[in-house]
PDB file of N, CA and C in Angstrom:
ATOM      1  N   MET A   1      25.503   8.476  19.744  1.00  0.00           N
ATOM      2  CA  MET A   1      24.951   9.117  18.570  1.00  0.00           C
ATOM      3  C   MET A   1      23.440   9.218  18.781  1.00  0.00           C
ATOM      4  N   GLU A   2      22.883  10.341  18.428  1.00  0.00           N
ATOM      5  CA  GLU A   2      21.452  10.533  18.646  1.00  0.00           C
ATOM      6  C   GLU A   2      20.618   9.671  17.695  1.00  0.00           C
ATOM      7  N   ARG A   3      19.447   9.314  18.140  1.00  0.00           N
ATOM      8  CA  ARG A   3      18.569   8.380  17.428  1.00  0.00           C
ATOM      9  C   ARG A   3      18.226   8.845  16.007  1.00  0.00           C
ATOM     10  N   ASN A   4      17.939  10.113  15.844  1.00  0.00           N
ATOM     11  CA  ASN A   4      17.579  10.629  14.529  1.00  0.00           C
ATOM     12  C   ASN A   4      18.729  10.448  13.539  1.00  0.00           C
ATOM     13  N   ARG A   5      19.941  10.729  13.967  1.00  0.00           N
ATOM     14  CA  ARG A   5      21.112  10.550  13.093  1.00  0.00           C
ATOM     15  C   ARG A   5      21.311   9.077  12.760  1.00  0.00           C
ATOM     16  N   LEU A   6      21.085   8.201  13.742  1.00  0.00           N
ATOM     17  CA  LEU A   6      21.207   6.766  13.489  1.00  0.00           C
ATOM     18  C   LEU A   6      20.177   6.304  12.459  1.00  0.00           C
ATOM     19  N   PHE A   7      18.964   6.785  12.607  1.00  0.00           N
ATOM     20  CA  PHE A   7      17.915   6.407  11.657  1.00  0.00           C
ATOM     21  C   PHE A   7      18.305   6.815  10.244  1.00  0.00           C
ATOM     22  N   TRP A   8      18.715   8.060  10.063  1.00  0.00           N
ATOM     23  CA  TRP A   8      19.060   8.528   8.722  1.00  0.00           C
ATOM     24  C   TRP A   8      20.346   7.891   8.214  1.00  0.00           C
ATOM     25  N   GLY A   9      21.262   7.577   9.110  1.00  0.00           N
ATOM     26  CA  GLY A   9      22.471   6.867   8.695  1.00  0.00           C
ATOM     27  C   GLY A   9      22.178   5.433   8.274  1.00  0.00           C
ATOM     28  N   SER A  10      21.134   4.856   8.860  1.00  0.00           N
ATOM     29  CA  SER A  10      20.756   3.484   8.534  1.00  0.00           C
ATOM     30  C   SER A  10      19.924   3.407   7.259  1.00  0.00           C
ATOM     31  N   ARG A  11      19.401   4.530   6.801  1.00  0.00           N
ATOM     32  CA  ARG A  11      18.705   4.582   5.511  1.00  0.00           C
ATOM     33  C   ARG A  11      19.782   4.645   4.442  1.00  0.00           C
ATOM     34  N   ARG A  12      19.783   3.684   3.560  1.00  0.00           N
ATOM     35  CA  ARG A  12      20.851   3.583   2.577  1.00  0.00           C
ATOM     36  C   ARG A  12      20.306   3.817   1.176  1.00  0.00           C
ATOM     37  N   GLY A  13      21.177   3.705   0.199  1.00  0.00           N
ATOM     38  CA  GLY A  13      20.779   3.860  -1.191  1.00  0.00           C
ATOM     39  C   GLY A  13      20.194   2.594  -1.791  1.00  0.00           C
ATOM     40  N   MET A  14      20.184   1.516  -1.008  1.00  0.00           N
ATOM     41  CA  MET A  14      19.670   0.236  -1.494  1.00  0.00           C
ATOM     42  C   MET A  14      18.527  -0.217  -0.597  1.00  0.00           C
ATOM     43  N   LEU A  15      17.405  -0.531  -1.177  1.00  0.00           N
ATOM     44  CA  LEU A  15      16.260  -1.005  -0.416  1.00  0.00           C
ATOM     45  C   LEU A  15      16.624  -2.240   0.412  1.00  0.00           C
ATOM     46  N   GLU A  16      17.431  -3.119  -0.165  1.00  0.00           N
ATOM     47  CA  GLU A  16      17.813  -4.349   0.537  1.00  0.00           C
ATOM     48  C   GLU A  16      18.514  -4.035   1.861  1.00  0.00           C
ATOM     49  N   LEU A  17      19.343  -3.016   1.861  1.00  0.00           N
ATOM     50  CA  LEU A  17      20.027  -2.637   3.104  1.00  0.00           C
ATOM     51  C   LEU A  17      19.063  -1.994   4.086  1.00  0.00           C
ATOM     52  N   ASP A  18      18.144  -1.191   3.592  1.00  0.00           N
ATOM     53  CA  ASP A  18      17.127  -0.605   4.468  1.00  0.00           C
ATOM     54  C   ASP A  18      16.335  -1.699   5.173  1.00  0.00           C
ATOM     55  N   LEU A  19      16.028  -2.774   4.455  1.00  0.00           N
ATOM     56  CA  LEU A  19      15.242  -3.868   5.016  1.00  0.00           C
ATOM     57  C   LEU A  19      16.011  -4.662   6.063  1.00  0.00           C
ATOM     58  N   VAL A  20      17.317  -4.552   6.056  1.00  0.00           N
ATOM     59  CA  VAL A  20      18.150  -5.195   7.075  1.00  0.00           C
ATOM     60  C   VAL A  20      18.423  -4.229   8.224  1.00  0.00           C
ATOM     61  N   LEU A  21      18.888  -3.043   7.902  1.00  0.00           N
ATOM     62  CA  LEU A  21      19.376  -2.125   8.939  1.00  0.00           C
ATOM     63  C   LEU A  21      18.280  -1.464   9.763  1.00  0.00           C
ATOM     64  N   LEU A  22      17.185  -1.078   9.144  1.00  0.00           N
ATOM     65  CA  LEU A  22      16.153  -0.372   9.907  1.00  0.00           C
ATOM     66  C   LEU A  22      15.487  -1.257  10.970  1.00  0.00           C
ATOM     67  N   PRO A  23      15.115  -2.505  10.653  1.00  0.00           N
ATOM     68  CA  PRO A  23      14.584  -3.358  11.723  1.00  0.00           C
ATOM     69  C   PRO A  23      15.639  -3.665  12.800  1.00  0.00           C
ATOM     70  N   PHE A  24      16.894  -3.809  12.383  1.00  0.00           N
ATOM     71  CA  PHE A  24      17.971  -4.034  13.347  1.00  0.00           C
ATOM     72  C   PHE A  24      18.079  -2.840  14.294  1.00  0.00           C
ATOM     73  N   LEU A  25      18.052  -1.651  13.735  1.00  0.00           N
ATOM     74  CA  LEU A  25      18.138  -0.439  14.547  1.00  0.00           C
ATOM     75  C   LEU A  25      16.974  -0.366  15.535  1.00  0.00           C
ATOM     76  N   GLU A  26      15.802  -0.698  15.086  1.00  0.00           N
ATOM     77  CA  GLU A  26      14.604  -0.609  15.926  1.00  0.00           C
ATOM     78  C   GLU A  26      14.568  -1.680  17.015  1.00  0.00           C
ATOM     79  N   ASN A  27      14.938  -2.902  16.657  1.00  0.00           N
ATOM     80  CA  ASN A  27      14.718  -4.035  17.550  1.00  0.00           C
ATOM     81  C   ASN A  27      15.940  -4.520  18.326  1.00  0.00           C
ATOM     82  N   ILE A  28      17.108  -4.405  17.767  1.00  0.00           N
ATOM     83  CA  ILE A  28      18.307  -4.989  18.379  1.00  0.00           C
ATOM     84  C   ILE A  28      19.255  -3.931  18.927  1.00  0.00           C
ATOM     85  N   TYR A  29      19.471  -2.879  18.173  1.00  0.00           N
ATOM     86  CA  TYR A  29      20.434  -1.844  18.555  1.00  0.00           C
ATOM     87  C   TYR A  29      20.260  -1.346  19.991  1.00  0.00           C
ATOM     88  N   PRO A  30      19.047  -1.064  20.461  1.00  0.00           N
ATOM     89  CA  PRO A  30      18.919  -0.531  21.829  1.00  0.00           C
ATOM     90  C   PRO A  30      19.504  -1.446  22.905  1.00  0.00           C
ATOM     91  N   GLY A  31      19.549  -2.748  22.671  1.00  0.00           N
ATOM     92  CA  GLY A  31      20.070  -3.692  23.651  1.00  0.00           C
ATOM     93  C   GLY A  31      21.558  -3.975  23.538  1.00  0.00           C
ATOM     94  N   LEU A  32      22.220  -3.381  22.548  1.00  0.00           N
ATOM     95  CA  LEU A  32      23.661  -3.605  22.386  1.00  0.00           C
ATOM     96  C   LEU A  32      24.451  -2.893  23.477  1.00  0.00           C
ATOM     97  N   ASN A  33      25.618  -3.460  23.792  1.00  0.00           N
ATOM     98  CA  ASN A  33      26.500  -2.738  24.711  1.00  0.00           C
ATOM     99  C   ASN A  33      27.136  -1.565  23.965  1.00  0.00           C
ATOM    100  N   GLN A  34      27.723  -0.656  24.694  1.00  0.00           N
ATOM    101  CA  GLN A  34      28.262   0.574  24.109  1.00  0.00           C
ATOM    102  C   GLN A  34      29.300   0.295  23.022  1.00  0.00           C
ATOM    103  N   GLN A  35      30.164  -0.690  23.237  1.00  0.00           N
ATOM    104  CA  GLN A  35      31.193  -0.990  22.237  1.00  0.00           C
ATOM    105  C   GLN A  35      30.566  -1.466  20.921  1.00  0.00           C
ATOM    106  N   ASP A  36      29.534  -2.292  21.021  1.00  0.00           N
ATOM    107  CA  ASP A  36      28.867  -2.758  19.803  1.00  0.00           C
ATOM    108  C   ASP A  36      28.089  -1.626  19.134  1.00  0.00           C
ATOM    109  N   LYS A  37      27.539  -0.718  19.918  1.00  0.00           N
ATOM    110  CA  LYS A  37      26.879   0.453  19.323  1.00  0.00           C
ATOM    111  C   LYS A  37      27.894   1.270  18.531  1.00  0.00           C
ATOM    112  N   GLU A  38      29.079   1.430  19.090  1.00  0.00           N
ATOM    113  CA  GLU A  38      30.127   2.172  18.377  1.00  0.00           C
ATOM    114  C   GLU A  38      30.573   1.434  17.132  1.00  0.00           C
ATOM    115  N   ARG A  39      30.585   0.119  17.169  1.00  0.00           N
ATOM    116  CA  ARG A  39      30.894  -0.661  15.966  1.00  0.00           C
ATOM    117  C   ARG A  39      29.819  -0.429  14.898  1.00  0.00           C
ATOM    118  N   TYR A  40      28.567  -0.337  15.319  1.00  0.00           N
ATOM    119  CA  TYR A  40      27.482  -0.063  14.370  1.00  0.00           C
ATOM    120  C   TYR A  40      27.681   1.302  13.718  1.00  0.00           C
ATOM    121  N   TRP A  41      28.082   2.279  14.506  1.00  0.00           N
ATOM    122  CA  TRP A  41      28.348   3.610  13.941  1.00  0.00           C
ATOM    123  C   TRP A  41      29.425   3.508  12.870  1.00  0.00           C
ATOM    124  N   LYS A  42      30.460   2.719  13.151  1.00  0.00           N
ATOM    125  CA  LYS A  42      31.551   2.529  12.190  1.00  0.00           C
ATOM    126  C   LYS A  42      31.023   1.825  10.930  1.00  0.00           C
ATOM    127  N   LEU A  43      30.128   0.863  11.124  1.00  0.00           N
ATOM    128  CA  LEU A  43      29.537   0.159   9.991  1.00  0.00           C
ATOM    129  C   LEU A  43      28.809   1.123   9.067  1.00  0.00           C
ATOM    130  N   LEU A  44      28.121   2.095   9.635  1.00  0.00           N
ATOM    131  CA  LEU A  44      27.365   3.048   8.829  1.00  0.00           C
ATOM    132  C   LEU A  44      28.250   3.917   7.946  1.00  0.00           C
ATOM    133  N   GLU A  45      29.543   3.951   8.210  1.00  0.00           N
ATOM    134  CA  GLU A  45      30.485   4.708   7.383  1.00  0.00           C
ATOM    135  C   GLU A  45      30.940   3.910   6.158  1.00  0.00           C
ATOM    136  N   CYS A  46      30.570   2.645   6.087  1.00  0.00           N
ATOM    137  CA  CYS A  46      31.018   1.781   4.998  1.00  0.00           C
ATOM    138  C   CYS A  46      30.156   1.971   3.754  1.00  0.00           C
ATOM    139  N   GLU A  47      30.693   1.515   2.658  1.00  0.00           N
ATOM    140  CA  GLU A  47      29.998   1.593   1.371  1.00  0.00           C
ATOM    141  C   GLU A  47      28.841   0.583   1.320  1.00  0.00           C
ATOM    142  N   ASP A  48      27.768   0.974   0.657  1.00  0.00           N
ATOM    143  CA  ASP A  48      26.601   0.101   0.537  1.00  0.00           C
ATOM    144  C   ASP A  48      26.946  -1.247  -0.087  1.00  0.00           C
ATOM    145  N   GLN A  49      27.726  -1.235  -1.149  1.00  0.00           N
ATOM    146  CA  GLN A  49      28.062  -2.487  -1.834  1.00  0.00           C
ATOM    147  C   GLN A  49      28.829  -3.432  -0.922  1.00  0.00           C
ATOM    148  N   ASP A  50      29.702  -2.891  -0.083  1.00  0.00           N
ATOM    149  CA  ASP A  50      30.437  -3.732   0.868  1.00  0.00           C
ATOM    150  C   ASP A  50      29.473  -4.353   1.868  1.00  0.00           C
ATOM    151  N   MET A  51      28.601  -3.532   2.438  1.00  0.00           N
ATOM    152  CA  MET A  51      27.645  -4.055   3.418  1.00  0.00           C
ATOM    153  C   MET A  51      26.747  -5.119   2.790  1.00  0.00           C
ATOM    154  N   PHE A  52      26.297  -4.880   1.587  1.00  0.00           N
ATOM    155  CA  PHE A  52      25.436  -5.837   0.901  1.00  0.00           C
ATOM    156  C   PHE A  52      26.144  -7.185   0.770  1.00  0.00           C
ATOM    157  N   ALA A  53      27.402  -7.173   0.354  1.00  0.00           N
ATOM    158  CA  ALA A  53      28.171  -8.412   0.222  1.00  0.00           C
ATOM    159  C   ALA A  53      28.374  -9.082   1.580  1.00  0.00           C
ATOM    160  N   TRP A  54      28.625  -8.302   2.600  1.00  0.00           N
ATOM    161  CA  TRP A  54      28.823  -8.876   3.943  1.00  0.00           C
ATOM    162  C   TRP A  54      27.555  -9.523   4.457  1.00  0.00           C
ATOM    163  N   PHE A  55      26.429  -8.834   4.335  1.00  0.00           N
ATOM    164  CA  PHE A  55      25.181  -9.362   4.874  1.00  0.00           C
ATOM    165  C   PHE A  55      24.712 -10.603   4.128  1.00  0.00           C
ATOM    166  N   LEU A  56      25.047 -10.709   2.853  1.00  0.00           N
ATOM    167  CA  LEU A  56      24.688 -11.888   2.075  1.00  0.00           C
ATOM    168  C   LEU A  56      25.745 -12.989   2.179  1.00  0.00           C
ATOM    169  N   ARG A  57      26.739 -12.769   3.009  1.00  0.00           N
ATOM    170  CA  ARG A  57      27.814 -13.740   3.262  1.00  0.00           C
ATOM    171  C   ARG A  57      28.646 -14.040   2.011  1.00  0.00           C
ATOM    172  N   ARG A  58      28.711 -13.102   1.115  1.00  0.00           N
ATOM    173  CA  ARG A  58      29.572 -13.266  -0.052  1.00  0.00           C
ATOM    174  C   ARG A  58      31.025 -13.058   0.344  1.00  0.00           C
ATOM    175  N   GLU A  59      31.219 -12.241   1.369  1.00  0.00           N
ATOM    176  CA  GLU A  59      32.545 -11.997   1.929  1.00  0.00           C
ATOM    177  C   GLU A  59      32.378 -11.460   3.332  1.00  0.00           C
ATOM    178  N   ASP A  60      33.483 -11.378   4.052  1.00  0.00           N
ATOM    179  CA  ASP A  60      33.493 -10.834   5.405  1.00  0.00           C
ATOM    180  C   ASP A  60      34.379  -9.603   5.443  1.00  0.00           C
ATOM    181  N   PRO A  61      34.072  -8.675   6.342  1.00  0.00           N
ATOM    182  CA  PRO A  61      34.958  -7.513   6.493  1.00  0.00           C
ATOM    183  C   PRO A  61      36.339  -7.957   6.966  1.00  0.00           C
ATOM    184  N   GLU A  62      37.367  -7.287   6.504  1.00  0.00           N
ATOM    185  CA  GLU A  62      38.722  -7.586   6.960  1.00  0.00           C
ATOM    186  C   GLU A  62      38.946  -7.081   8.377  1.00  0.00           C
ATOM    187  N   ASP A  63      38.300  -5.995   8.730  1.00  0.00           N
ATOM    188  CA  ASP A  63      38.416  -5.389  10.056  1.00  0.00           C
ATOM    189  C   ASP A  63      37.615  -6.229  11.056  1.00  0.00           C
ATOM    190  N   ASN A  64      38.276  -6.714  12.105  1.00  0.00           N
ATOM    191  CA  ASN A  64      37.608  -7.564  13.092  1.00  0.00           C
ATOM    192  C   ASN A  64      36.485  -6.850  13.830  1.00  0.00           C
ATOM    193  N   GLU A  65      36.615  -5.548  14.037  1.00  0.00           N
ATOM    194  CA  GLU A  65      35.554  -4.783  14.691  1.00  0.00           C
ATOM    195  C   GLU A  65      34.302  -4.768  13.817  1.00  0.00           C
ATOM    196  N   LEU A  66      34.483  -4.551  12.535  1.00  0.00           N
ATOM    197  CA  LEU A  66      33.350  -4.576  11.608  1.00  0.00           C
ATOM    198  C   LEU A  66      32.789  -5.984  11.480  1.00  0.00           C
ATOM    199  N   LYS A  67      33.656  -6.980  11.474  1.00  0.00           N
ATOM    200  CA  LYS A  67      33.205  -8.375  11.383  1.00  0.00           C
ATOM    201  C   LYS A  67      32.276  -8.697  12.540  1.00  0.00           C
ATOM    202  N   ARG A  68      32.610  -8.226  13.738  1.00  0.00           N
ATOM    203  CA  ARG A  68      31.774  -8.512  14.905  1.00  0.00           C
ATOM    204  C   ARG A  68      30.362  -7.931  14.725  1.00  0.00           C
ATOM    205  N   ILE A  69      30.268  -6.684  14.317  1.00  0.00           N
ATOM    206  CA  ILE A  69      28.936  -6.086  14.188  1.00  0.00           C
ATOM    207  C   ILE A  69      28.190  -6.682  12.995  1.00  0.00           C
ATOM    208  N   VAL A  70      28.883  -7.015  11.937  1.00  0.00           N
ATOM    209  CA  VAL A  70      28.231  -7.674  10.800  1.00  0.00           C
ATOM    210  C   VAL A  70      27.663  -9.017  11.244  1.00  0.00           C
ATOM    211  N   ASP A  71      28.417  -9.769  12.050  1.00  0.00           N
ATOM    212  CA  ASP A  71      27.922 -11.051  12.561  1.00  0.00           C
ATOM    213  C   ASP A  71      26.688 -10.856  13.441  1.00  0.00           C
ATOM    214  N   ILE A  72      26.686  -9.815  14.246  1.00  0.00           N
ATOM    215  CA  ILE A  72      25.523  -9.530  15.099  1.00  0.00           C
ATOM    216  C   ILE A  72      24.309  -9.198  14.226  1.00  0.00           C
ATOM    217  N   VAL A  73      24.513  -8.388  13.202  1.00  0.00           N
ATOM    218  CA  VAL A  73      23.402  -8.049  12.297  1.00  0.00           C
ATOM    219  C   VAL A  73      22.892  -9.318  11.614  1.00  0.00           C
ATOM    220  N   ARG A  74      23.801 -10.124  11.099  1.00  0.00           N
ATOM    221  CA  ARG A  74      23.405 -11.357  10.419  1.00  0.00           C
ATOM    222  C   ARG A  74      22.569 -12.257  11.333  1.00  0.00           C
ATOM    223  N   LYS A  75      22.980 -12.385  12.570  1.00  0.00           N
ATOM    224  CA  LYS A  75      22.294 -13.285  13.517  1.00  0.00           C
ATOM    225  C   LYS A  75      20.924 -12.767  13.923  1.00  0.00           C
ATOM    226  N   ASN A  76      20.664 -11.505  13.719  1.00  0.00           N
ATOM    227  CA  ASN A  76      19.425 -10.907  14.231  1.00  0.00           C
ATOM    228  C   ASN A  76      18.510 -10.367  13.141  1.00  0.00           C
ATOM    229  N   THR A  77      18.734 -10.739  11.898  1.00  0.00           N
ATOM    230  CA  THR A  77      17.898 -10.209  10.832  1.00  0.00           C
ATOM    231  C   THR A  77      17.420 -11.271   9.853  1.00  0.00           C
ATOM    232  N   GLY A  78      17.462 -12.525  10.235  1.00  0.00           N
ATOM    233  CA  GLY A  78      17.003 -13.570   9.335  1.00  0.00           C
ATOM    234  C   GLY A  78      17.980 -13.892   8.225  1.00  0.00           C
ATOM    235  N   LEU A  79      19.241 -13.493   8.412  1.00  0.00           N
ATOM    236  CA  LEU A  79      20.243 -13.738   7.372  1.00  0.00           C
ATOM    237  C   LEU A  79      21.163 -14.896   7.732  1.00  0.00           C
ATOM    238  N   GLN A  80      20.677 -15.809   8.576  1.00  0.00           N
ATOM    239  CA  GLN A  80      21.482 -16.951   8.960  1.00  0.00           C
ATOM    240  C   GLN A  80      21.576 -17.915   7.772  1.00  0.00           C
ATOM    241  N   PRO A  81      22.698 -18.640   7.687  1.00  0.00           N
ATOM    242  CA  PRO A  81      22.807 -19.617   6.597  1.00  0.00           C
ATOM    243  C   PRO A  81      21.791 -20.737   6.809  1.00  0.00           C
ATOM    244  N   GLN A  82      21.322 -21.317   5.734  1.00  0.00           N
ATOM    245  CA  GLN A  82      20.375 -22.419   5.816  1.00  0.00           C
ATOM    246  C   GLN A  82      21.116 -23.683   6.253  1.00  0.00           C
ATOM    247  N   SER A  83      20.532 -24.419   7.185  1.00  0.00           N
ATOM    248  CA  SER A  83      21.162 -25.660   7.675  1.00  0.00           C
ATOM    249  C   SER A  83      20.759 -26.834   6.834  1.00  0.00           C
TER     250      SER A  83
END
């Protein structure tokens, strides 16, 4: 997927999601393997409210492919649980 489309797909209707996805796209996405990049594309098709709940660890995606990319986003955006 071309970079411009990824940028606009990562811009969401919620500022909170923009603050998670845009830095992830800039800093982490380029280093992902192709399969994880494709998982990210799939993530961008999800509803904002679902992503918000996933990133805040209120719930996890049922789809294992989405769970993997959500876990990668969580680990790389300061959304780790407090120890």
